[in-house]
Amino acid sequence: MTLIINKNPSIIPTIEQKFKKSNIPDIHVGDSIQISLLIQEGNKERIQISEGVVISKNNAQLNTTITVRKVLQNVGVEKVYLIHSPRIKHITINRRAKVRKAKLYYLRQRSGKATRLKQKFT
């Protein structure tokens, strides 16, 4: 049994282009965003809104991810979202921040007013 592998590099981008979303806003690190997620409970589906600050972004074509952090009941919660996922219905940017780092992991050690970021007006 022989396996034939086609090493044409142009096949993968054409396939990925089908699954890429076009309605995604330009998201940067430091943005406060709201993400509308499609949640399935049993045989019902509902939309749940999650919000927080983008502390990191990993650009990888179709596999682009963002890490969103928020504080719930004095506990920091971080979640990684695949932004081209079919489960994400809508992303809204509430506020942009002026940051000087690509990853805002230092926010993990801060609490209260120390976690505020300077707003960027565009």
PDB file of N, CA and C in Angstrom:
ATOM      1  N   MET A   1       0.844  -1.175   0.000  1.00  0.00           N
ATOM      2  CA  MET A   1       0.000   0.000   0.000  1.00  0.00           C
ATOM      3  C   MET A   1       0.886   1.233   0.000  1.00  0.00           C
ATOM      4  N   THR A   2       0.740   2.040  -0.997  1.00  0.00           N
ATOM      5  CA  THR A   2       1.541   3.263  -1.080  1.00  0.00           C
ATOM      6  C   THR A   2       0.658   4.472  -0.805  1.00  0.00           C
ATOM      7  N   LEU A   3       1.230   5.412  -0.108  1.00  0.00           N
ATOM      8  CA  LEU A   3       0.522   6.624   0.255  1.00  0.00           C
ATOM      9  C   LEU A   3       1.126   7.781  -0.530  1.00  0.00           C
ATOM     10  N   ILE A   4       0.314   8.460  -1.277  1.00  0.00           N
ATOM     11  CA  ILE A   4       0.787   9.573  -2.085  1.00  0.00           C
ATOM     12  C   ILE A   4       0.444  10.864  -1.349  1.00  0.00           C
ATOM     13  N   ILE A   5       1.465  11.654  -1.073  1.00  0.00           N
ATOM     14  CA  ILE A   5       1.274  12.915  -0.378  1.00  0.00           C
ATOM     15  C   ILE A   5       1.572  14.047  -1.350  1.00  0.00           C
ATOM     16  N   ASN A   6       0.598  14.908  -1.524  1.00  0.00           N
ATOM     17  CA  ASN A   6       0.778  16.066  -2.385  1.00  0.00           C
ATOM     18  C   ASN A   6       1.349  17.194  -1.546  1.00  0.00           C
ATOM     19  N   LYS A   7       2.533  17.665  -1.871  1.00  0.00           N
ATOM     20  CA  LYS A   7       3.182  18.697  -1.075  1.00  0.00           C
ATOM     21  C   LYS A   7       3.001  20.079  -1.684  1.00  0.00           C
ATOM     22  N   ASN A   8       1.840  20.316  -2.238  1.00  0.00           N
ATOM     23  CA  ASN A   8       1.543  21.614  -2.805  1.00  0.00           C
ATOM     24  C   ASN A   8       1.177  22.571  -1.673  1.00  0.00           C
ATOM     25  N   PRO A   9       1.971  23.621  -1.412  1.00  0.00           N
ATOM     26  CA  PRO A   9       1.709  24.492  -0.267  1.00  0.00           C
ATOM     27  C   PRO A   9       0.508  25.414  -0.442  1.00  0.00           C
ATOM     28  N   SER A  10      -0.042  25.503  -1.642  1.00  0.00           N
ATOM     29  CA  SER A  10      -1.162  26.416  -1.847  1.00  0.00           C
ATOM     30  C   SER A  10      -2.516  25.791  -1.515  1.00  0.00           C
ATOM     31  N   ILE A  11      -2.553  24.531  -1.179  1.00  0.00           N
ATOM     32  CA  ILE A  11      -3.815  23.865  -0.863  1.00  0.00           C
ATOM     33  C   ILE A  11      -4.341  24.296   0.508  1.00  0.00           C
ATOM     34  N   ILE A  12      -3.472  24.355   1.490  1.00  0.00           N
ATOM     35  CA  ILE A  12      -3.895  24.668   2.859  1.00  0.00           C
ATOM     36  C   ILE A  12      -4.503  26.069   2.962  1.00  0.00           C
ATOM     37  N   PRO A  13      -3.874  27.120   2.429  1.00  0.00           N
ATOM     38  CA  PRO A  13      -4.518  28.443   2.532  1.00  0.00           C
ATOM     39  C   PRO A  13      -5.870  28.536   1.838  1.00  0.00           C
ATOM     40  N   THR A  14      -6.044  27.812   0.749  1.00  0.00           N
ATOM     41  CA  THR A  14      -7.343  27.866   0.076  1.00  0.00           C
ATOM     42  C   THR A  14      -8.433  27.187   0.887  1.00  0.00           C
ATOM     43  N   ILE A  15      -8.076  26.121   1.571  1.00  0.00           N
ATOM     44  CA  ILE A  15      -9.053  25.439   2.436  1.00  0.00           C
ATOM     45  C   ILE A  15      -9.357  26.298   3.664  1.00  0.00           C
ATOM     46  N   GLU A  16      -8.305  26.911   4.262  1.00  0.00           N
ATOM     47  CA  GLU A  16      -8.510  27.752   5.440  1.00  0.00           C
ATOM     48  C   GLU A  16      -9.358  28.973   5.119  1.00  0.00           C
ATOM     49  N   GLN A  17      -9.259  29.479   3.906  1.00  0.00           N
ATOM     50  CA  GLN A  17      -9.997  30.677   3.519  1.00  0.00           C
ATOM     51  C   GLN A  17     -11.505  30.452   3.607  1.00  0.00           C
ATOM     52  N   LYS A  18     -11.963  29.220   3.403  1.00  0.00           N
ATOM     53  CA  LYS A  18     -13.390  28.915   3.496  1.00  0.00           C
ATOM     54  C   LYS A  18     -13.914  29.103   4.915  1.00  0.00           C
ATOM     55  N   PHE A  19     -13.077  28.796   5.913  1.00  0.00           N
ATOM     56  CA  PHE A  19     -13.520  28.796   7.296  1.00  0.00           C
ATOM     57  C   PHE A  19     -13.224  30.092   8.030  1.00  0.00           C
ATOM     58  N   LYS A  20     -12.490  31.001   7.417  1.00  0.00           N
ATOM     59  CA  LYS A  20     -12.175  32.272   8.063  1.00  0.00           C
ATOM     60  C   LYS A  20     -13.403  33.166   8.094  1.00  0.00           C
ATOM     61  N   LYS A  21     -13.572  33.880   9.207  1.00  0.00           N
ATOM     62  CA  LYS A  21     -14.677  34.825   9.334  1.00  0.00           C
ATOM     63  C   LYS A  21     -14.239  36.184   8.797  1.00  0.00           C
ATOM     64  N   SER A  22     -15.184  36.892   8.228  1.00  0.00           N
ATOM     65  CA  SER A  22     -14.866  38.213   7.687  1.00  0.00           C
ATOM     66  C   SER A  22     -15.415  39.340   8.555  1.00  0.00           C
ATOM     67  N   ASN A  23     -16.257  39.015   9.536  1.00  0.00           N
ATOM     68  CA  ASN A  23     -16.900  40.049  10.347  1.00  0.00           C
ATOM     69  C   ASN A  23     -16.188  40.295  11.680  1.00  0.00           C
ATOM     70  N   ILE A  24     -14.922  39.917  11.781  1.00  0.00           N
ATOM     71  CA  ILE A  24     -14.180  40.089  13.029  1.00  0.00           C
ATOM     72  C   ILE A  24     -13.543  41.472  13.044  1.00  0.00           C
ATOM     73  N   PRO A  25     -13.753  42.250  14.124  1.00  0.00           N
ATOM     74  CA  PRO A  25     -13.117  43.562  14.194  1.00  0.00           C
ATOM     75  C   PRO A  25     -11.607  43.427  14.435  1.00  0.00           C
ATOM     76  N   ASP A  26     -10.902  44.532  14.288  1.00  0.00           N
ATOM     77  CA  ASP A  26      -9.459  44.554  14.481  1.00  0.00           C
ATOM     78  C   ASP A  26      -9.176  44.580  15.987  1.00  0.00           C
ATOM     79  N   ILE A  27      -8.815  43.442  16.560  1.00  0.00           N
ATOM     80  CA  ILE A  27      -8.629  43.298  18.000  1.00  0.00           C
ATOM     81  C   ILE A  27      -7.155  43.461  18.332  1.00  0.00           C
ATOM     82  N   HIS A  28      -6.874  44.276  19.357  1.00  0.00           N
ATOM     83  CA  HIS A  28      -5.506  44.489  19.818  1.00  0.00           C
ATOM     84  C   HIS A  28      -5.411  44.119  21.293  1.00  0.00           C
ATOM     85  N   VAL A  29      -4.195  43.916  21.762  1.00  0.00           N
ATOM     86  CA  VAL A  29      -3.965  43.648  23.180  1.00  0.00           C
ATOM     87  C   VAL A  29      -4.311  44.916  23.952  1.00  0.00           C
ATOM     88  N   GLY A  30      -5.042  44.754  25.050  1.00  0.00           N
ATOM     89  CA  GLY A  30      -5.468  45.883  25.869  1.00  0.00           C
ATOM     90  C   GLY A  30      -6.904  46.295  25.624  1.00  0.00           C
ATOM     91  N   ASP A  31      -7.539  45.756  24.600  1.00  0.00           N
ATOM     92  CA  ASP A  31      -8.933  46.103  24.311  1.00  0.00           C
ATOM     93  C   ASP A  31      -9.868  45.439  25.312  1.00  0.00           C
ATOM     94  N   SER A  32     -10.912  46.167  25.716  1.00  0.00           N
ATOM     95  CA  SER A  32     -11.991  45.576  26.502  1.00  0.00           C
ATOM     96  C   SER A  32     -13.060  45.143  25.508  1.00  0.00           C
ATOM     97  N   ILE A  33     -13.366  43.854  25.510  1.00  0.00           N
ATOM     98  CA  ILE A  33     -14.266  43.324  24.490  1.00  0.00           C
ATOM     99  C   ILE A  33     -15.408  42.540  25.113  1.00  0.00           C
ATOM    100  N   GLN A  34     -16.464  42.370  24.325  1.00  0.00           N
ATOM    101  CA  GLN A  34     -17.574  41.478  24.657  1.00  0.00           C
ATOM    102  C   GLN A  34     -17.652  40.430  23.561  1.00  0.00           C
ATOM    103  N   ILE A  35     -17.733  39.168  23.971  1.00  0.00           N
ATOM    104  CA  ILE A  35     -17.814  38.065  23.029  1.00  0.00           C
ATOM    105  C   ILE A  35     -19.151  37.364  23.227  1.00  0.00           C
ATOM    106  N   SER A  36     -19.902  37.218  22.153  1.00  0.00           N
ATOM    107  CA  SER A  36     -21.167  36.488  22.189  1.00  0.00           C
ATOM    108  C   SER A  36     -20.900  35.047  21.777  1.00  0.00           C
ATOM    109  N   LEU A  37     -21.064  34.135  22.723  1.00  0.00           N
ATOM    110  CA  LEU A  37     -20.795  32.717  22.492  1.00  0.00           C
ATOM    111  C   LEU A  37     -22.089  31.936  22.372  1.00  0.00           C
ATOM    112  N   LEU A  38     -22.079  30.947  21.521  1.00  0.00           N
ATOM    113  CA  LEU A  38     -23.208  30.045  21.379  1.00  0.00           C
ATOM    114  C   LEU A  38     -22.980  28.874  22.330  1.00  0.00           C
ATOM    115  N   ILE A  39     -23.836  28.747  23.336  1.00  0.00           N
ATOM    116  CA  ILE A  39     -23.714  27.703  24.354  1.00  0.00           C
ATOM    117  C   ILE A  39     -24.809  26.678  24.117  1.00  0.00           C
ATOM    118  N   GLN A  40     -24.428  25.399  24.157  1.00  0.00           N
ATOM    119  CA  GLN A  40     -25.415  24.343  23.964  1.00  0.00           C
ATOM    120  C   GLN A  40     -25.688  23.658  25.294  1.00  0.00           C
ATOM    121  N   GLU A  41     -26.962  23.624  25.675  1.00  0.00           N
ATOM    122  CA  GLU A  41     -27.395  22.965  26.902  1.00  0.00           C
ATOM    123  C   GLU A  41     -28.438  21.931  26.523  1.00  0.00           C
ATOM    124  N   GLY A  42     -28.040  20.686  26.543  1.00  0.00           N
ATOM    125  CA  GLY A  42     -28.950  19.629  26.108  1.00  0.00           C
ATOM    126  C   GLY A  42     -29.194  19.756  24.622  1.00  0.00           C
ATOM    127  N   ASN A  43     -30.456  19.936  24.236  1.00  0.00           N
ATOM    128  CA  ASN A  43     -30.761  20.122  22.821  1.00  0.00           C
ATOM    129  C   ASN A  43     -31.133  21.572  22.508  1.00  0.00           C
ATOM    130  N   LYS A  44     -30.914  22.480  23.459  1.00  0.00           N
ATOM    131  CA  LYS A  44     -31.203  23.898  23.256  1.00  0.00           C
ATOM    132  C   LYS A  44     -29.897  24.666  23.110  1.00  0.00           C
ATOM    133  N   GLU A  45     -29.957  25.758  22.380  1.00  0.00           N
ATOM    134  CA  GLU A  45     -28.805  26.630  22.230  1.00  0.00           C
ATOM    135  C   GLU A  45     -29.186  28.027  22.679  1.00  0.00           C
ATOM    136  N   ARG A  46     -28.242  28.714  23.320  1.00  0.00           N
ATOM    137  CA  ARG A  46     -28.465  30.091  23.732  1.00  0.00           C
ATOM    138  C   ARG A  46     -27.175  30.868  23.550  1.00  0.00           C
ATOM    139  N   ILE A  47     -27.280  32.180  23.568  1.00  0.00           N
ATOM    140  CA  ILE A  47     -26.106  33.028  23.411  1.00  0.00           C
ATOM    141  C   ILE A  47     -25.741  33.598  24.772  1.00  0.00           C
ATOM    142  N   GLN A  48     -24.483  33.444  25.152  1.00  0.00           N
ATOM    143  CA  GLN A  48     -23.977  33.955  26.414  1.00  0.00           C
ATOM    144  C   GLN A  48     -22.904  34.993  26.104  1.00  0.00           C
ATOM    145  N   ILE A  49     -22.983  36.135  26.774  1.00  0.00           N
ATOM    146  CA  ILE A  49     -22.014  37.207  26.539  1.00  0.00           C
ATOM    147  C   ILE A  49     -20.949  37.142  27.616  1.00  0.00           C
ATOM    148  N   SER A  50     -19.702  37.130  27.179  1.00  0.00           N
ATOM    149  CA  SER A  50     -18.553  37.130  28.075  1.00  0.00           C
ATOM    150  C   SER A  50     -17.733  38.370  27.765  1.00  0.00           C
ATOM    151  N   GLU A  51     -17.214  39.026  28.797  1.00  0.00           N
ATOM    152  CA  GLU A  51     -16.445  40.236  28.552  1.00  0.00           C
ATOM    153  C   GLU A  51     -15.179  40.249  29.382  1.00  0.00           C
ATOM    154  N   GLY A  52     -14.217  41.046  28.951  1.00  0.00           N
ATOM    155  CA  GLY A  52     -12.956  41.156  29.666  1.00  0.00           C
ATOM    156  C   GLY A  52     -11.934  41.907  28.838  1.00  0.00           C
ATOM    157  N   VAL A  53     -10.690  41.881  29.317  1.00  0.00           N
ATOM    158  CA  VAL A  53      -9.582  42.577  28.669  1.00  0.00           C
ATOM    159  C   VAL A  53      -8.721  41.564  27.933  1.00  0.00           C
ATOM    160  N   VAL A  54      -8.350  41.875  26.712  1.00  0.00           N
ATOM    161  CA  VAL A  54      -7.478  41.002  25.937  1.00  0.00           C
ATOM    162  C   VAL A  54      -6.066  41.179  26.472  1.00  0.00           C
ATOM    163  N   ILE A  55      -5.485  40.101  27.048  1.00  0.00           N
ATOM    164  CA  ILE A  55      -4.131  40.205  27.584  1.00  0.00           C
ATOM    165  C   ILE A  55      -3.088  39.604  26.655  1.00  0.00           C
ATOM    166  N   SER A  56      -3.501  38.794  25.680  1.00  0.00           N
ATOM    167  CA  SER A  56      -2.552  38.299  24.688  1.00  0.00           C
ATOM    168  C   SER A  56      -3.296  37.902  23.431  1.00  0.00           C
ATOM    169  N   LYS A  57      -2.539  37.900  22.344  1.00  0.00           N
ATOM    170  CA  LYS A  57      -3.094  37.511  21.055  1.00  0.00           C
ATOM    171  C   LYS A  57      -2.051  36.682  20.341  1.00  0.00           C
ATOM    172  N   ASN A  58      -2.500  35.579  19.750  1.00  0.00           N
ATOM    173  CA  ASN A  58      -1.616  34.698  19.006  1.00  0.00           C
ATOM    174  C   ASN A  58      -2.119  34.654  17.571  1.00  0.00           C
ATOM    175  N   ASN A  59      -1.387  35.312  16.669  1.00  0.00           N
ATOM    176  CA  ASN A  59      -1.786  35.362  15.268  1.00  0.00           C
ATOM    177  C   ASN A  59      -1.275  34.136  14.545  1.00  0.00           C
ATOM    178  N   ALA A  60      -2.183  33.297  14.066  1.00  0.00           N
ATOM    179  CA  ALA A  60      -1.802  32.081  13.342  1.00  0.00           C
ATOM    180  C   ALA A  60      -2.857  31.738  12.303  1.00  0.00           C
ATOM    181  N   GLN A  61      -3.142  32.685  11.418  1.00  0.00           N
ATOM    182  CA  GLN A  61      -4.111  32.497  10.338  1.00  0.00           C
ATOM    183  C   GLN A  61      -5.463  32.039  10.872  1.00  0.00           C
ATOM    184  N   LEU A  62      -5.846  30.820  10.581  1.00  0.00           N
ATOM    185  CA  LEU A  62      -7.135  30.295  11.016  1.00  0.00           C
ATOM    186  C   LEU A  62      -7.144  29.990  12.517  1.00  0.00           C
ATOM    187  N   ASN A  63      -5.982  29.700  13.074  1.00  0.00           N
ATOM    188  CA  ASN A  63      -5.877  29.345  14.491  1.00  0.00           C
ATOM    189  C   ASN A  63      -5.564  30.545  15.382  1.00  0.00           C
ATOM    190  N   THR A  64      -5.976  31.725  14.999  1.00  0.00           N
ATOM    191  CA  THR A  64      -5.732  32.924  15.794  1.00  0.00           C
ATOM    192  C   THR A  64      -6.531  32.852  17.091  1.00  0.00           C
ATOM    193  N   THR A  65      -5.838  33.065  18.208  1.00  0.00           N
ATOM    194  CA  THR A  65      -6.490  33.017  19.509  1.00  0.00           C
ATOM    195  C   THR A  65      -6.247  34.310  20.271  1.00  0.00           C
ATOM    196  N   ILE A  66      -7.176  34.608  21.180  1.00  0.00           N
ATOM    197  CA  ILE A  66      -7.000  35.714  22.104  1.00  0.00           C
ATOM    198  C   ILE A  66      -7.258  35.184  23.508  1.00  0.00           C
ATOM    199  N   THR A  67      -6.539  35.728  24.475  1.00  0.00           N
ATOM    200  CA  THR A  67      -6.754  35.381  25.877  1.00  0.00           C
ATOM    201  C   THR A  67      -7.430  36.566  26.536  1.00  0.00           C
ATOM    202  N   VAL A  68      -8.597  36.314  27.130  1.00  0.00           N
ATOM    203  CA  VAL A  68      -9.399  37.364  27.753  1.00  0.00           C
ATOM    204  C   VAL A  68      -9.411  37.138  29.253  1.00  0.00           C
ATOM    205  N   ARG A  69      -9.170  38.226  30.010  1.00  0.00           N
ATOM    206  CA  ARG A  69      -9.112  38.138  31.465  1.00  0.00           C
ATOM    207  C   ARG A  69     -10.157  39.062  32.072  1.00  0.00           C
ATOM    208  N   LYS A  70     -10.821  38.545  33.096  1.00  0.00           N
ATOM    209  CA  LYS A  70     -11.722  39.367  33.891  1.00  0.00           C
ATOM    210  C   LYS A  70     -11.699  38.867  35.325  1.00  0.00           C
ATOM    211  N   VAL A  71     -12.173  39.679  36.239  1.00  0.00           N
ATOM    212  CA  VAL A  71     -12.184  39.323  37.655  1.00  0.00           C
ATOM    213  C   VAL A  71     -13.618  39.078  38.070  1.00  0.00           C
ATOM    214  N   LEU A  72     -13.878  37.875  38.590  1.00  0.00           N
ATOM    215  CA  LEU A  72     -15.199  37.495  39.077  1.00  0.00           C
ATOM    216  C   LEU A  72     -15.090  37.131  40.550  1.00  0.00           C
ATOM    217  N   GLN A  73     -15.793  37.840  41.403  1.00  0.00           N
ATOM    218  CA  GLN A  73     -15.811  37.585  42.839  1.00  0.00           C
ATOM    219  C   GLN A  73     -14.395  37.486  43.407  1.00  0.00           C
ATOM    220  N   ASN A  74     -13.562  38.465  43.054  1.00  0.00           N
ATOM    221  CA  ASN A  74     -12.173  38.584  43.507  1.00  0.00           C
ATOM    222  C   ASN A  74     -11.282  37.438  43.056  1.00  0.00           C
ATOM    223  N   VAL A  75     -11.674  36.740  42.006  1.00  0.00           N
ATOM    224  CA  VAL A  75     -10.852  35.674  41.429  1.00  0.00           C
ATOM    225  C   VAL A  75     -10.652  36.006  39.956  1.00  0.00           C
ATOM    226  N   GLY A  76      -9.401  36.040  39.529  1.00  0.00           N
ATOM    227  CA  GLY A  76      -9.107  36.317  38.131  1.00  0.00           C
ATOM    228  C   GLY A  76      -9.393  35.097  37.269  1.00  0.00           C
ATOM    229  N   VAL A  77     -10.113  35.302  36.171  1.00  0.00           N
ATOM    230  CA  VAL A  77     -10.479  34.218  35.261  1.00  0.00           C
ATOM    231  C   VAL A  77      -9.955  34.566  33.880  1.00  0.00           C
ATOM    232  N   GLU A  78      -9.214  33.639  33.280  1.00  0.00           N
ATOM    233  CA  GLU A  78      -8.707  33.831  31.929  1.00  0.00           C
ATOM    234  C   GLU A  78      -9.246  32.721  31.042  1.00  0.00           C
ATOM    235  N   LYS A  79      -9.597  33.097  29.829  1.00  0.00           N
ATOM    236  CA  LYS A  79     -10.101  32.117  28.895  1.00  0.00           C
ATOM    237  C   LYS A  79      -9.521  32.404  27.519  1.00  0.00           C
ATOM    238  N   VAL A  80      -9.164  31.343  26.812  1.00  0.00           N
ATOM    239  CA  VAL A  80      -8.608  31.461  25.477  1.00  0.00           C
ATOM    240  C   VAL A  80      -9.719  31.187  24.474  1.00  0.00           C
ATOM    241  N   TYR A  81      -9.900  32.108  23.518  1.00  0.00           N
ATOM    242  CA  TYR A  81     -10.933  31.971  22.498  1.00  0.00           C
ATOM    243  C   TYR A  81     -10.283  31.848  21.125  1.00  0.00           C
ATOM    244  N   LEU A  82     -10.770  30.918  20.343  1.00  0.00           N
ATOM    245  CA  LEU A  82     -10.390  30.780  18.943  1.00  0.00           C
ATOM    246  C   LEU A  82     -11.328  31.696  18.162  1.00  0.00           C
ATOM    247  N   ILE A  83     -10.806  32.805  17.614  1.00  0.00           N
ATOM    248  CA  ILE A  83     -11.714  33.835  17.114  1.00  0.00           C
ATOM    249  C   ILE A  83     -12.429  33.457  15.817  1.00  0.00           C
ATOM    250  N   HIS A  84     -11.941  32.460  15.090  1.00  0.00           N
ATOM    251  CA  HIS A  84     -12.627  32.017  13.875  1.00  0.00           C
ATOM    252  C   HIS A  84     -13.556  30.825  14.148  1.00  0.00           C
ATOM    253  N   SER A  85     -13.807  30.546  15.425  1.00  0.00           N
ATOM    254  CA  SER A  85     -14.666  29.425  15.796  1.00  0.00           C
ATOM    255  C   SER A  85     -16.110  29.701  15.384  1.00  0.00           C
ATOM    256  N   PRO A  86     -16.835  28.665  14.942  1.00  0.00           N
ATOM    257  CA  PRO A  86     -18.250  28.870  14.628  1.00  0.00           C
ATOM    258  C   PRO A  86     -19.103  29.104  15.871  1.00  0.00           C
ATOM    259  N   ARG A  87     -18.585  28.850  17.056  1.00  0.00           N
ATOM    260  CA  ARG A  87     -19.309  29.087  18.310  1.00  0.00           C
ATOM    261  C   ARG A  87     -19.336  30.565  18.685  1.00  0.00           C
ATOM    262  N   ILE A  88     -18.426  31.352  18.149  1.00  0.00           N
ATOM    263  CA  ILE A  88     -18.408  32.788  18.427  1.00  0.00           C
ATOM    264  C   ILE A  88     -19.274  33.479  17.387  1.00  0.00           C
ATOM    265  N   LYS A  89     -20.320  34.135  17.870  1.00  0.00           N
ATOM    266  CA  LYS A  89     -21.262  34.783  16.968  1.00  0.00           C
ATOM    267  C   LYS A  89     -20.886  36.228  16.685  1.00  0.00           C
ATOM    268  N   HIS A  90     -20.445  36.962  17.721  1.00  0.00           N
ATOM    269  CA  HIS A  90     -20.186  38.378  17.532  1.00  0.00           C
ATOM    270  C   HIS A  90     -19.144  38.851  18.543  1.00  0.00           C
ATOM    271  N   ILE A  91     -18.263  39.742  18.119  1.00  0.00           N
ATOM    272  CA  ILE A  91     -17.270  40.346  19.007  1.00  0.00           C
ATOM    273  C   ILE A  91     -17.442  41.857  18.935  1.00  0.00           C
ATOM    274  N   THR A  92     -17.573  42.490  20.111  1.00  0.00           N
ATOM    275  CA  THR A  92     -17.745  43.936  20.198  1.00  0.00           C
ATOM    276  C   THR A  92     -16.602  44.521  21.008  1.00  0.00           C
ATOM    277  N   ILE A  93     -15.994  45.575  20.508  1.00  0.00           N
ATOM    278  CA  ILE A  93     -14.927  46.253  21.244  1.00  0.00           C
ATOM    279  C   ILE A  93     -15.555  47.417  21.993  1.00  0.00           C
ATOM    280  N   ASN A  94     -15.454  47.386  23.332  1.00  0.00           N
ATOM    281  CA  ASN A  94     -16.029  48.437  24.160  1.00  0.00           C
ATOM    282  C   ASN A  94     -15.066  49.600  24.341  1.00  0.00           C
ATOM    283  N   ARG A  95     -13.778  49.279  24.524  1.00  0.00           N
ATOM    284  CA  ARG A  95     -12.805  50.295  24.868  1.00  0.00           C
ATOM    285  C   ARG A  95     -11.430  49.861  24.388  1.00  0.00           C
ATOM    286  N   ARG A  96     -10.649  50.786  23.894  1.00  0.00           N
ATOM    287  CA  ARG A  96      -9.277  50.490  23.495  1.00  0.00           C
ATOM    288  C   ARG A  96      -8.340  51.096  24.523  1.00  0.00           C
ATOM    289  N   ALA A  97      -7.221  50.415  24.768  1.00  0.00           N
ATOM    290  CA  ALA A  97      -6.253  50.901  25.736  1.00  0.00           C
ATOM    291  C   ALA A  97      -4.906  51.103  25.071  1.00  0.00           C
ATOM    292  N   LYS A  98      -4.160  52.052  25.605  1.00  0.00           N
ATOM    293  CA  LYS A  98      -2.822  52.345  25.119  1.00  0.00           C
ATOM    294  C   LYS A  98      -1.854  51.499  25.935  1.00  0.00           C
ATOM    295  N   VAL A  99      -1.251  50.501  25.317  1.00  0.00           N
ATOM    296  CA  VAL A  99      -0.329  49.604  26.015  1.00  0.00           C
ATOM    297  C   VAL A  99       1.004  49.587  25.284  1.00  0.00           C
ATOM    298  N   ARG A 100       2.046  49.216  26.007  1.00  0.00           N
ATOM    299  CA  ARG A 100       3.379  49.200  25.420  1.00  0.00           C
ATOM    300  C   ARG A 100       3.975  47.809  25.378  1.00  0.00           C
ATOM    301  N   LYS A 101       3.189  46.816  25.718  1.00  0.00           N
ATOM    302  CA  LYS A 101       3.667  45.431  25.698  1.00  0.00           C
ATOM    303  C   LYS A 101       2.748  44.587  24.829  1.00  0.00           C
ATOM    304  N   ALA A 102       3.276  43.482  24.335  1.00  0.00           N
ATOM    305  CA  ALA A 102       2.485  42.582  23.511  1.00  0.00           C
ATOM    306  C   ALA A 102       1.681  41.607  24.359  1.00  0.00           C
ATOM    307  N   LYS A 103       2.159  41.315  25.557  1.00  0.00           N
ATOM    308  CA  LYS A 103       1.460  40.415  26.470  1.00  0.00           C
ATOM    309  C   LYS A 103       1.294  41.139  27.804  1.00  0.00           C
ATOM    310  N   LEU A 104       0.083  41.183  28.308  1.00  0.00           N
ATOM    311  CA  LEU A 104      -0.205  41.906  29.546  1.00  0.00           C
ATOM    312  C   LEU A 104      -0.313  40.961  30.741  1.00  0.00           C
ATOM    313  N   TYR A 105       0.641  40.037  30.844  1.00  0.00           N
ATOM    314  CA  TYR A 105       0.598  39.066  31.928  1.00  0.00           C
ATOM    315  C   TYR A 105       0.841  39.708  33.293  1.00  0.00           C
ATOM    316  N   TYR A 106       1.375  40.903  33.335  1.00  0.00           N
ATOM    317  CA  TYR A 106       1.612  41.571  34.620  1.00  0.00           C
ATOM    318  C   TYR A 106       0.300  41.936  35.316  1.00  0.00           C
ATOM    319  N   LEU A 107      -0.816  41.921  34.596  1.00  0.00           N
ATOM    320  CA  LEU A 107      -2.111  42.212  35.220  1.00  0.00           C
ATOM    321  C   LEU A 107      -2.542  41.109  36.188  1.00  0.00           C
ATOM    322  N   ARG A 108      -1.927  39.939  36.070  1.00  0.00           N
ATOM    323  CA  ARG A 108      -2.286  38.826  36.958  1.00  0.00           C
ATOM    324  C   ARG A 108      -1.915  39.119  38.409  1.00  0.00           C
ATOM    325  N   GLN A 109      -0.841  39.854  38.626  1.00  0.00           N
ATOM    326  CA  GLN A 109      -0.391  40.140  39.984  1.00  0.00           C
ATOM    327  C   GLN A 109      -1.040  41.391  40.559  1.00  0.00           C
ATOM    328  N   ARG A 110      -1.809  42.104  39.776  1.00  0.00           N
ATOM    329  CA  ARG A 110      -2.401  43.355  40.240  1.00  0.00           C
ATOM    330  C   ARG A 110      -3.885  43.183  40.524  1.00  0.00           C
ATOM    331  N   SER A 111      -4.397  44.056  41.388  1.00  0.00           N
ATOM    332  CA  SER A 111      -5.826  44.005  41.702  1.00  0.00           C
ATOM    333  C   SER A 111      -6.341  45.417  41.916  1.00  0.00           C
ATOM    334  N   GLY A 112      -7.630  45.574  41.786  1.00  0.00           N
ATOM    335  CA  GLY A 112      -8.261  46.865  42.027  1.00  0.00           C
ATOM    336  C   GLY A 112      -7.909  47.903  40.981  1.00  0.00           C
ATOM    337  N   LYS A 113      -7.607  49.124  41.459  1.00  0.00           N
ATOM    338  CA  LYS A 113      -7.327  50.220  40.543  1.00  0.00           C
ATOM    339  C   LYS A 113      -6.012  50.053  39.800  1.00  0.00           C
ATOM    340  N   ALA A 114      -5.150  49.191  40.270  1.00  0.00           N
ATOM    341  CA  ALA A 114      -3.857  48.970  39.604  1.00  0.00           C
ATOM    342  C   ALA A 114      -4.011  48.249  38.269  1.00  0.00           C
ATOM    343  N   THR A 115      -5.174  47.667  38.032  1.00  0.00           N
ATOM    344  CA  THR A 115      -5.380  46.952  36.769  1.00  0.00           C
ATOM    345  C   THR A 115      -5.924  47.859  35.666  1.00  0.00           C
ATOM    346  N   ARG A 116      -6.153  49.127  35.981  1.00  0.00           N
ATOM    347  CA  ARG A 116      -6.681  50.039  34.975  1.00  0.00           C
ATOM    348  C   ARG A 116      -5.644  50.308  33.894  1.00  0.00           C
ATOM    349  N   LEU A 117      -6.103  50.397  32.682  1.00  0.00           N
ATOM    350  CA  LEU A 117      -5.244  50.715  31.540  1.00  0.00           C
ATOM    351  C   LEU A 117      -5.659  52.080  30.999  1.00  0.00           C
ATOM    352  N   LYS A 118      -4.686  52.812  30.476  1.00  0.00           N
ATOM    353  CA  LYS A 118      -4.948  54.140  29.929  1.00  0.00           C
ATOM    354  C   LYS A 118      -5.725  54.020  28.627  1.00  0.00           C
ATOM    355  N   GLN A 119      -6.816  54.749  28.516  1.00  0.00           N
ATOM    356  CA  GLN A 119      -7.671  54.643  27.335  1.00  0.00           C
ATOM    357  C   GLN A 119      -7.031  55.325  26.134  1.00  0.00           C
ATOM    358  N   LYS A 120      -7.201  54.692  24.962  1.00  0.00           N
ATOM    359  CA  LYS A 120      -6.684  55.243  23.724  1.00  0.00           C
ATOM    360  C   LYS A 120      -7.862  55.770  22.917  1.00  0.00           C
ATOM    361  N   PHE A 121      -7.791  57.023  22.527  1.00  0.00           N
ATOM    362  CA  PHE A 121      -8.844  57.633  21.724  1.00  0.00           C
ATOM    363  C   PHE A 121      -8.379  57.665  20.278  1.00  0.00           C
ATOM    364  N   THR A 122      -9.192  57.095  19.385  1.00  0.00           N
ATOM    365  CA  THR A 122      -8.795  57.071  17.978  1.00  0.00           C
ATOM    366  C   THR A 122      -9.732  57.868  17.128  1.00  0.00           C
TER     367      THR A 122
END
